[in-house]
PDB file of N, CA and C in Angstrom:
ATOM      1  N   SER A   1       0.502  -0.724  -0.079  1.00  0.00           N
ATOM      2  CA  SER A   1      -0.434   0.144   0.008  1.00  0.00           C
ATOM      3  C   SER A   1       0.732   1.450   0.031  1.00  0.00           C
ATOM      4  N   MET A   2       0.635   2.494  -0.499  1.00  0.00           N
ATOM      5  CA  MET A   2       1.111   3.578  -1.307  1.00  0.00           C
ATOM      6  C   MET A   2       1.088   4.008   0.493  1.00  0.00           C
ATOM      7  N   ASP A   3       0.195   3.654   1.688  1.00  0.00           N
ATOM      8  CA  ASP A   3      -0.606   4.609   2.639  1.00  0.00           C
ATOM      9  C   ASP A   3       0.541   4.999   3.350  1.00  0.00           C
ATOM     10  N   ARG A   4       1.948   4.030   3.111  1.00  0.00           N
ATOM     11  CA  ARG A   4       2.956   3.820   4.846  1.00  0.00           C
ATOM     12  C   ARG A   4       4.171   4.707   3.712  1.00  0.00           C
ATOM     13  N   PHE A   5       3.485   6.158   2.814  1.00  0.00           N
ATOM     14  CA  PHE A   5       5.009   6.157   2.667  1.00  0.00           C
ATOM     15  C   PHE A   5       4.199   7.953   2.513  1.00  0.00           C
ATOM     16  N   GLN A   6       5.283   9.256   3.116  1.00  0.00           N
ATOM     17  CA  GLN A   6       4.484  10.203   3.450  1.00  0.00           C
ATOM     18  C   GLN A   6       4.234  11.115   2.710  1.00  0.00           C
ATOM     19  N   TRP A   7       5.444  10.699   1.821  1.00  0.00           N
ATOM     20  CA  TRP A   7       5.575  11.375   0.611  1.00  0.00           C
ATOM     21  C   TRP A   7       6.729  10.594   0.019  1.00  0.00           C
ATOM     22  N   VAL A   8       7.060  11.313  -1.802  1.00  0.00           N
ATOM     23  CA  VAL A   8       6.540  11.058  -2.414  1.00  0.00           C
ATOM     24  C   VAL A   8       7.148  12.196  -3.626  1.00  0.00           C
ATOM     25  N   ASP A   9       8.917  11.727  -3.887  1.00  0.00           N
ATOM     26  CA  ASP A   9       8.943  13.065  -4.918  1.00  0.00           C
ATOM     27  C   ASP A   9       9.316  12.364  -6.129  1.00  0.00           C
ATOM     28  N   ILE A  10       9.155  13.714  -7.223  1.00  0.00           N
ATOM     29  CA  ILE A  10       9.372  12.600  -8.922  1.00  0.00           C
ATOM     30  C   ILE A  10      10.314  14.041  -9.344  1.00  0.00           C
ATOM     31  N   SER A  11      11.993  12.844  -9.231  1.00  0.00           N
ATOM     32  CA  SER A  11      12.886  14.102 -10.084  1.00  0.00           C
ATOM     33  C   SER A  11      13.020  13.227 -11.594  1.00  0.00           C
ATOM     34  N   PRO A  12      13.342  14.361 -12.115  1.00  0.00           N
ATOM     35  CA  PRO A  12      13.321  13.781 -13.437  1.00  0.00           C
ATOM     36  C   PRO A  12      14.911  13.458 -14.655  1.00  0.00           C
ATOM     37  N   GLN A  13      15.933  13.820 -12.975  1.00  0.00           N
ATOM     38  CA  GLN A  13      17.637  13.694 -13.307  1.00  0.00           C
ATOM     39  C   GLN A  13      17.789  12.842 -11.568  1.00  0.00           C
ATOM     40  N   PRO A  14      18.999  12.008 -12.653  1.00  0.00           N
ATOM     41  CA  PRO A  14      19.122  11.434 -10.291  1.00  0.00           C
ATOM     42  C   PRO A  14      20.098  12.586 -10.055  1.00  0.00           C
ATOM     43  N   ASP A  15      20.988  13.233 -10.140  1.00  0.00           N
ATOM     44  CA  ASP A  15      21.674  14.169  -9.472  1.00  0.00           C
ATOM     45  C   ASP A  15      20.839  15.610  -8.544  1.00  0.00           C
ATOM     46  N   ARG A  16      19.653  15.579  -9.274  1.00  0.00           N
ATOM     47  CA  ARG A  16      18.465  16.733  -9.671  1.00  0.00           C
ATOM     48  C   ARG A  16      17.853  16.250  -8.249  1.00  0.00           C
ATOM     49  N   ALA A  17      17.559  14.421  -7.356  1.00  0.00           N
ATOM     50  CA  ALA A  17      16.587  13.925  -6.568  1.00  0.00           C
ATOM     51  C   ALA A  17      17.675  14.306  -5.723  1.00  0.00           C
ATOM     52  N   ILE A  18      18.884  14.176  -4.767  1.00  0.00           N
ATOM     53  CA  ILE A  18      20.317  13.791  -4.558  1.00  0.00           C
ATOM     54  C   ILE A  18      19.901  15.458  -3.639  1.00  0.00           C
ATOM     55  N   THR A  19      19.859  16.986  -5.256  1.00  0.00           N
ATOM     56  CA  THR A  19      19.953  17.946  -3.774  1.00  0.00           C
ATOM     57  C   THR A  19      18.360  18.080  -3.518  1.00  0.00           C
ATOM     58  N   THR A  20      17.420  17.516  -4.208  1.00  0.00           N
ATOM     59  CA  THR A  20      16.104  17.606  -3.734  1.00  0.00           C
ATOM     60  C   THR A  20      15.462  17.844  -2.629  1.00  0.00           C
ATOM     61  N   ASN A  21      16.454  16.110  -2.267  1.00  0.00           N
ATOM     62  CA  ASN A  21      16.000  14.817  -1.175  1.00  0.00           C
ATOM     63  C   ASN A  21      16.336  15.271  -0.238  1.00  0.00           C
ATOM     64  N   GLN A  22      18.302  15.606  -0.649  1.00  0.00           N
ATOM     65  CA  GLN A  22      19.311  14.973   0.677  1.00  0.00           C
ATOM     66  C   GLN A  22      19.039  16.157   2.213  1.00  0.00           C
ATOM     67  N   GLY A  23      19.657  14.747   2.481  1.00  0.00           N
ATOM     68  CA  GLY A  23      18.980  14.918   4.511  1.00  0.00           C
ATOM     69  C   GLY A  23      17.325  14.776   4.515  1.00  0.00           C
ATOM     70  N   LYS A  24      16.632  14.122   3.566  1.00  0.00           N
ATOM     71  CA  LYS A  24      15.704  13.130   3.849  1.00  0.00           C
ATOM     72  C   LYS A  24      15.584  11.866   4.184  1.00  0.00           C
ATOM     73  N   ALA A  25      14.384  11.315   4.876  1.00  0.00           N
ATOM     74  CA  ALA A  25      15.030   9.836   4.525  1.00  0.00           C
ATOM     75  C   ALA A  25      13.943   8.881   3.613  1.00  0.00           C
ATOM     76  N   VAL A  26      14.608   8.953   2.490  1.00  0.00           N
ATOM     77  CA  VAL A  26      14.286   8.243   1.622  1.00  0.00           C
ATOM     78  C   VAL A  26      14.159   6.699   1.429  1.00  0.00           C
ATOM     79  N   GLU A  27      12.818   6.317   1.729  1.00  0.00           N
ATOM     80  CA  GLU A  27      13.079   5.042   1.730  1.00  0.00           C
ATOM     81  C   GLU A  27      12.486   3.922   0.226  1.00  0.00           C
ATOM     82  N   LEU A  28      12.450   4.385  -0.742  1.00  0.00           N
ATOM     83  CA  LEU A  28      12.307   3.784  -1.906  1.00  0.00           C
ATOM     84  C   LEU A  28      13.059   4.525  -3.381  1.00  0.00           C
ATOM     85  N   ILE A  29      13.956   4.204  -4.511  1.00  0.00           N
ATOM     86  CA  ILE A  29      14.410   4.804  -5.538  1.00  0.00           C
ATOM     87  C   ILE A  29      14.059   3.802  -7.090  1.00  0.00           C
ATOM     88  N   VAL A  30      12.835   4.029  -7.157  1.00  0.00           N
ATOM     89  CA  VAL A  30      12.861   3.434  -8.537  1.00  0.00           C
ATOM     90  C   VAL A  30      13.286   4.271 -10.048  1.00  0.00           C
ATOM     91  N   LEU A  31      14.325   3.335 -10.809  1.00  0.00           N
ATOM     92  CA  LEU A  31      15.465   4.789 -11.403  1.00  0.00           C
ATOM     93  C   LEU A  31      14.931   4.271 -12.852  1.00  0.00           C
ATOM     94  N   ASP A  32      15.170   4.447 -13.847  1.00  0.00           N
ATOM     95  CA  ASP A  32      15.440   4.435 -15.779  1.00  0.00           C
ATOM     96  C   ASP A  32      16.575   3.864 -15.759  1.00  0.00           C
ATOM     97  N   TYR A  33      16.640   2.628 -16.379  1.00  0.00           N
ATOM     98  CA  TYR A  33      17.793   2.357 -16.373  1.00  0.00           C
ATOM     99  C   TYR A  33      18.734   3.130 -18.040  1.00  0.00           C
ATOM    100  N   PHE A  34      17.952   3.630 -18.468  1.00  0.00           N
ATOM    101  CA  PHE A  34      18.182   5.084 -19.650  1.00  0.00           C
ATOM    102  C   PHE A  34      17.395   5.999 -19.557  1.00  0.00           C
ATOM    103  N   ILE A  35      18.051   6.895 -19.193  1.00  0.00           N
ATOM    104  CA  ILE A  35      17.984   8.895 -18.977  1.00  0.00           C
ATOM    105  C   ILE A  35      18.726   9.087 -19.404  1.00  0.00           C
ATOM    106  N   PRO A  36      18.615   9.735 -21.182  1.00  0.00           N
ATOM    107  CA  PRO A  36      19.024  10.246 -21.777  1.00  0.00           C
ATOM    108  C   PRO A  36      20.447  11.241 -21.337  1.00  0.00           C
ATOM    109  N   GLY A  37      21.455  10.502 -21.333  1.00  0.00           N
ATOM    110  CA  GLY A  37      23.091  11.426 -20.727  1.00  0.00           C
ATOM    111  C   GLY A  37      23.263  11.106 -18.767  1.00  0.00           C
ATOM    112  N   TYR A  38      22.226  10.412 -18.344  1.00  0.00           N
ATOM    113  CA  TYR A  38      22.766   9.930 -17.340  1.00  0.00           C
ATOM    114  C   TYR A  38      23.060   8.188 -17.066  1.00  0.00           C
ATOM    115  N   HIS A  39      24.271   7.954 -17.233  1.00  0.00           N
ATOM    116  CA  HIS A  39      24.385   6.358 -17.223  1.00  0.00           C
ATOM    117  C   HIS A  39      23.936   5.744 -15.465  1.00  0.00           C
ATOM    118  N   PHE A  40      22.994   5.157 -15.715  1.00  0.00           N
ATOM    119  CA  PHE A  40      22.751   4.137 -14.754  1.00  0.00           C
ATOM    120  C   PHE A  40      23.877   3.491 -13.450  1.00  0.00           C
ATOM    121  N   ILE A  41      24.263   2.769 -14.871  1.00  0.00           N
ATOM    122  CA  ILE A  41      25.721   1.989 -13.581  1.00  0.00           C
ATOM    123  C   ILE A  41      26.812   3.387 -12.513  1.00  0.00           C
ATOM    124  N   ASP A  42      26.910   4.407 -13.558  1.00  0.00           N
ATOM    125  CA  ASP A  42      27.282   6.059 -12.592  1.00  0.00           C
ATOM    126  C   ASP A  42      26.028   6.351 -11.220  1.00  0.00           C
ATOM    127  N   TRP A  43      25.295   6.333 -11.928  1.00  0.00           N
ATOM    128  CA  TRP A  43      23.931   7.025 -10.925  1.00  0.00           C
ATOM    129  C   TRP A  43      23.523   6.215  -9.838  1.00  0.00           C
ATOM    130  N   CYS A  44      23.676   5.528  -9.854  1.00  0.00           N
ATOM    131  CA  CYS A  44      23.135   4.221  -8.972  1.00  0.00           C
ATOM    132  C   CYS A  44      23.476   3.939  -7.844  1.00  0.00           C
ATOM    133  N   PRO A  45      24.663   3.410  -7.678  1.00  0.00           N
ATOM    134  CA  PRO A  45      25.362   4.443  -6.471  1.00  0.00           C
ATOM    135  C   PRO A  45      25.759   5.028  -6.423  1.00  0.00           C
ATOM    136  N   LYS A  46      25.388   6.250  -6.685  1.00  0.00           N
ATOM    137  CA  LYS A  46      25.268   7.385  -5.846  1.00  0.00           C
ATOM    138  C   LYS A  46      24.131   8.524  -5.568  1.00  0.00           C
ATOM    139  N   LEU A  47      23.545   7.556  -5.887  1.00  0.00           N
ATOM    140  CA  LEU A  47      21.547   7.091  -5.252  1.00  0.00           C
ATOM    141  C   LEU A  47      21.654   6.869  -3.769  1.00  0.00           C
ATOM    142  N   LEU A  48      22.691   5.673  -3.814  1.00  0.00           N
ATOM    143  CA  LEU A  48      22.458   4.572  -2.555  1.00  0.00           C
ATOM    144  C   LEU A  48      23.692   5.194  -1.335  1.00  0.00           C
ATOM    145  N   GLN A  49      24.434   6.000  -2.417  1.00  0.00           N
ATOM    146  CA  GLN A  49      24.980   6.797  -0.880  1.00  0.00           C
ATOM    147  C   GLN A  49      24.524   7.598  -0.491  1.00  0.00           C
ATOM    148  N   ALA A  50      23.644   8.502  -1.588  1.00  0.00           N
ATOM    149  CA  ALA A  50      23.625   9.674  -0.730  1.00  0.00           C
ATOM    150  C   ALA A  50      22.041   9.134   0.796  1.00  0.00           C
ATOM    151  N   PHE A  51      21.373   8.229  -0.433  1.00  0.00           N
ATOM    152  CA  PHE A  51      19.909   7.360   0.967  1.00  0.00           C
ATOM    153  C   PHE A  51      20.565   6.499   1.185  1.00  0.00           C
ATOM    154  N   PRO A  52      21.049   5.451   2.264  1.00  0.00           N
ATOM    155  CA  PRO A  52      22.281   3.943   2.435  1.00  0.00           C
ATOM    156  C   PRO A  52      20.627   4.027   3.377  1.00  0.00           C
ATOM    157  N   ASP A  53      19.472   4.060   3.302  1.00  0.00           N
ATOM    158  CA  ASP A  53      18.761   3.383   3.981  1.00  0.00           C
ATOM    159  C   ASP A  53      17.493   2.923   2.692  1.00  0.00           C
ATOM    160  N   ALA A  54      17.971   3.632   1.938  1.00  0.00           N
ATOM    161  CA  ALA A  54      16.643   3.052   0.425  1.00  0.00           C
ATOM    162  C   ALA A  54      16.964   1.819  -0.454  1.00  0.00           C
ATOM    163  N   ARG A  55      16.197   1.129  -0.594  1.00  0.00           N
ATOM    164  CA  ARG A  55      15.314   0.794  -1.721  1.00  0.00           C
ATOM    165  C   ARG A  55      15.595   0.991  -4.050  1.00  0.00           C
ATOM    166  N   LEU A  56      16.728   0.903  -4.448  1.00  0.00           N
ATOM    167  CA  LEU A  56      16.132   0.752  -5.404  1.00  0.00           C
ATOM    168  C   LEU A  56      15.495   0.124  -5.879  1.00  0.00           C
ATOM    169  N   ILE A  57      15.192   0.316  -7.233  1.00  0.00           N
ATOM    170  CA  ILE A  57      14.173  -0.605  -7.880  1.00  0.00           C
ATOM    171  C   ILE A  57      15.416   0.299  -9.294  1.00  0.00           C
ATOM    172  N   ALA A  58      15.205  -0.335 -10.087  1.00  0.00           N
ATOM    173  CA  ALA A  58      15.321  -0.950 -11.496  1.00  0.00           C
ATOM    174  C   ALA A  58      13.871  -0.824 -12.599  1.00  0.00           C
ATOM    175  N   VAL A  59      13.816   0.346 -13.869  1.00  0.00           N
ATOM    176  CA  VAL A  59      13.109   0.072 -14.627  1.00  0.00           C
ATOM    177  C   VAL A  59      13.663   0.037 -16.289  1.00  0.00           C
ATOM    178  N   SER A  60      13.730  -0.286 -17.001  1.00  0.00           N
ATOM    179  CA  SER A  60      13.253  -1.007 -18.510  1.00  0.00           C
ATOM    180  C   SER A  60      13.193  -0.789 -19.641  1.00  0.00           C
ATOM    181  N   SER A  61      12.719  -0.663 -20.544  1.00  0.00           N
ATOM    182  CA  SER A  61      11.736  -1.386 -21.389  1.00  0.00           C
ATOM    183  C   SER A  61      13.382  -2.473 -22.513  1.00  0.00           C
ATOM    184  N   SER A  62      14.190  -2.127 -21.890  1.00  0.00           N
ATOM    185  CA  SER A  62      15.620  -3.315 -22.944  1.00  0.00           C
ATOM    186  C   SER A  62      15.124  -5.008 -21.519  1.00  0.00           C
ATOM    187  N   PRO A  63      14.654  -6.019 -22.679  1.00  0.00           N
ATOM    188  CA  PRO A  63      14.744  -7.100 -22.074  1.00  0.00           C
ATOM    189  C   PRO A  63      16.660  -7.966 -22.159  1.00  0.00           C
ATOM    190  N   SER A  64      17.461  -6.943 -22.373  1.00  0.00           N
ATOM    191  CA  SER A  64      18.608  -7.540 -22.653  1.00  0.00           C
ATOM    192  C   SER A  64      19.511  -7.698 -21.199  1.00  0.00           C
ATOM    193  N   ARG A  65      19.691  -9.013 -21.388  1.00  0.00           N
ATOM    194  CA  ARG A  65      19.956 -10.199 -20.184  1.00  0.00           C
ATOM    195  C   ARG A  65      21.093  -8.534 -19.438  1.00  0.00           C
ATOM    196  N   SER A  66      21.812  -8.192 -19.779  1.00  0.00           N
ATOM    197  CA  SER A  66      23.637  -7.716 -19.323  1.00  0.00           C
ATOM    198  C   SER A  66      22.636  -5.707 -19.014  1.00  0.00           C
ATOM    199  N   ASP A  67      21.628  -5.607 -18.850  1.00  0.00           N
ATOM    200  CA  ASP A  67      21.039  -4.453 -18.894  1.00  0.00           C
ATOM    201  C   ASP A  67      20.855  -5.231 -17.468  1.00  0.00           C
ATOM    202  N   ARG A  68      19.692  -6.396 -17.022  1.00  0.00           N
ATOM    203  CA  ARG A  68      19.865  -6.891 -15.649  1.00  0.00           C
ATOM    204  C   ARG A  68      20.978  -7.040 -15.002  1.00  0.00           C
ATOM    205  N   THR A  69      21.964  -7.248 -15.323  1.00  0.00           N
ATOM    206  CA  THR A  69      22.872  -8.002 -14.280  1.00  0.00           C
ATOM    207  C   THR A  69      23.699  -6.958 -13.659  1.00  0.00           C
ATOM    208  N   ASN A  70      24.347  -5.928 -15.431  1.00  0.00           N
ATOM    209  CA  ASN A  70      24.382  -4.839 -14.300  1.00  0.00           C
ATOM    210  C   ASN A  70      24.129  -3.995 -14.006  1.00  0.00           C
ATOM    211  N   ALA A  71      22.070  -3.545 -13.670  1.00  0.00           N
ATOM    212  CA  ALA A  71      21.592  -2.875 -12.776  1.00  0.00           C
ATOM    213  C   ALA A  71      22.447  -3.916 -11.468  1.00  0.00           C
ATOM    214  N   LEU A  72      22.125  -4.705 -10.991  1.00  0.00           N
ATOM    215  CA  LEU A  72      22.015  -4.771 -10.250  1.00  0.00           C
ATOM    216  C   LEU A  72      23.415  -5.479  -9.673  1.00  0.00           C
ATOM    217  N   LYS A  73      24.358  -6.184 -10.195  1.00  0.00           N
ATOM    218  CA  LYS A  73      26.182  -5.117 -10.213  1.00  0.00           C
ATOM    219  C   LYS A  73      25.948  -3.968  -9.343  1.00  0.00           C
ATOM    220  N   SER A  74      25.540  -3.508  -9.795  1.00  0.00           N
ATOM    221  CA  SER A  74      25.649  -1.644  -9.521  1.00  0.00           C
ATOM    222  C   SER A  74      24.342  -1.215  -7.822  1.00  0.00           C
ATOM    223  N   GLY A  75      24.316  -2.546  -7.646  1.00  0.00           N
ATOM    224  CA  GLY A  75      23.518  -1.837  -6.401  1.00  0.00           C
ATOM    225  C   GLY A  75      21.798  -1.621  -6.626  1.00  0.00           C
ATOM    226  N   ALA A  76      21.267  -2.491  -7.323  1.00  0.00           N
ATOM    227  CA  ALA A  76      19.712  -2.522  -7.750  1.00  0.00           C
ATOM    228  C   ALA A  76      19.525  -3.640  -6.586  1.00  0.00           C
ATOM    229  N   ASP A  77      18.474  -3.671  -6.447  1.00  0.00           N
ATOM    230  CA  ASP A  77      17.785  -4.225  -4.987  1.00  0.00           C
ATOM    231  C   ASP A  77      16.663  -5.538  -6.082  1.00  0.00           C
ATOM    232  N   ALA A  78      16.150  -4.484  -7.232  1.00  0.00           N
ATOM    233  CA  ALA A  78      15.294  -5.291  -8.444  1.00  0.00           C
ATOM    234  C   ALA A  78      15.498  -4.807  -9.579  1.00  0.00           C
ATOM    235  N   PHE A  79      14.732  -5.617 -10.536  1.00  0.00           N
ATOM    236  CA  PHE A  79      14.758  -4.934 -11.683  1.00  0.00           C
ATOM    237  C   PHE A  79      13.536  -5.377 -12.060  1.00  0.00           C
ATOM    238  N   PHE A  80      12.457  -3.957 -12.572  1.00  0.00           N
ATOM    239  CA  PHE A  80      11.665  -4.216 -13.308  1.00  0.00           C
ATOM    240  C   PHE A  80      11.939  -4.403 -14.728  1.00  0.00           C
ATOM    241  N   GLU A  81      11.385  -5.569 -16.292  1.00  0.00           N
ATOM    242  CA  GLU A  81      11.186  -5.288 -17.965  1.00  0.00           C
ATOM    243  C   GLU A  81       9.685  -4.641 -17.415  1.00  0.00           C
ATOM    244  N   LYS A  82       9.506  -3.937 -18.043  1.00  0.00           N
ATOM    245  CA  LYS A  82       8.151  -2.422 -18.619  1.00  0.00           C
ATOM    246  C   LYS A  82       7.348  -3.223 -19.259  1.00  0.00           C
ATOM    247  N   HIS A  83       7.730  -4.281 -20.562  1.00  0.00           N
ATOM    248  CA  HIS A  83       6.994  -4.984 -20.335  1.00  0.00           C
ATOM    249  C   HIS A  83       6.541  -6.175 -20.780  1.00  0.00           C
ATOM    250  N   THR A  84       6.689  -7.117 -19.472  1.00  0.00           N
ATOM    251  CA  THR A  84       6.478  -7.834 -18.788  1.00  0.00           C
ATOM    252  C   THR A  84       5.537  -7.599 -17.572  1.00  0.00           C
ATOM    253  N   ARG A  85       4.729  -8.171 -17.163  1.00  0.00           N
ATOM    254  CA  ARG A  85       4.314  -8.865 -16.280  1.00  0.00           C
ATOM    255  C   ARG A  85       4.996  -8.055 -14.456  1.00  0.00           C
ATOM    256  N   ALA A  86       4.898  -8.090 -13.189  1.00  0.00           N
ATOM    257  CA  ALA A  86       4.686  -7.481 -12.717  1.00  0.00           C
ATOM    258  C   ALA A  86       5.693  -8.380 -11.635  1.00  0.00           C
ATOM    259  N   ARG A  87       5.018  -9.680 -11.929  1.00  0.00           N
ATOM    260  CA  ARG A  87       5.443 -10.818 -11.154  1.00  0.00           C
ATOM    261  C   ARG A  87       6.852 -11.113 -11.205  1.00  0.00           C
ATOM    262  N   ARG A  88       7.328 -11.042 -13.112  1.00  0.00           N
ATOM    263  CA  ARG A  88       8.472 -11.983 -13.455  1.00  0.00           C
ATOM    264  C   ARG A  88       9.718 -10.732 -12.673  1.00  0.00           C
ATOM    265  N   THR A  89       9.815 -10.406 -11.684  1.00  0.00           N
ATOM    266  CA  THR A  89      11.239  -9.622 -11.460  1.00  0.00           C
ATOM    267  C   THR A  89      12.351  -9.950 -10.346  1.00  0.00           C
ATOM    268  N   ARG A  90      13.221  -9.512 -11.491  1.00  0.00           N
ATOM    269  CA  ARG A  90      14.453 -10.216 -11.180  1.00  0.00           C
ATOM    270  C   ARG A  90      15.689  -8.691  -9.558  1.00  0.00           C
ATOM    271  N   THR A  91      15.051  -9.820  -8.398  1.00  0.00           N
ATOM    272  CA  THR A  91      16.204  -9.519  -7.513  1.00  0.00           C
ATOM    273  C   THR A  91      18.069  -9.602  -6.998  1.00  0.00           C
ATOM    274  N   LYS A  92      18.452  -9.332  -6.822  1.00  0.00           N
ATOM    275  CA  LYS A  92      20.022  -9.458  -5.745  1.00  0.00           C
ATOM    276  C   LYS A  92      19.933 -11.078  -5.869  1.00  0.00           C
ATOM    277  N   SER A  93      19.176 -11.920  -4.981  1.00  0.00           N
ATOM    278  CA  SER A  93      19.208 -13.267  -4.743  1.00  0.00           C
ATOM    279  C   SER A  93      19.135 -14.290  -6.156  1.00  0.00           C
ATOM    280  N   GLU A  94      18.972 -13.939  -7.070  1.00  0.00           N
ATOM    281  CA  GLU A  94      18.157 -14.421  -8.108  1.00  0.00           C
ATOM    282  C   GLU A  94      19.475 -14.463  -9.358  1.00  0.00           C
TER     283      GLU A  94
END
């Protein structure tokens, strides 16, 4: 349920998410694997360093196994393919 979240912020760029939410208790980050001008592999660790208590979910329209593998190796807790059913998730333990 979304009721447990006190607030939700939408940031179009990961650097803006860090500056806008600095000092806040961020619990969940949903990050698109492909954001023009931003490389997921670089920004995933930066976001997790800025918000150490947060879980990070990567989303992508790419069915590439290497994208999924790279996202999880970069620190994402889960990887969702946008075009598949929600129950087909990939987590670090898989």
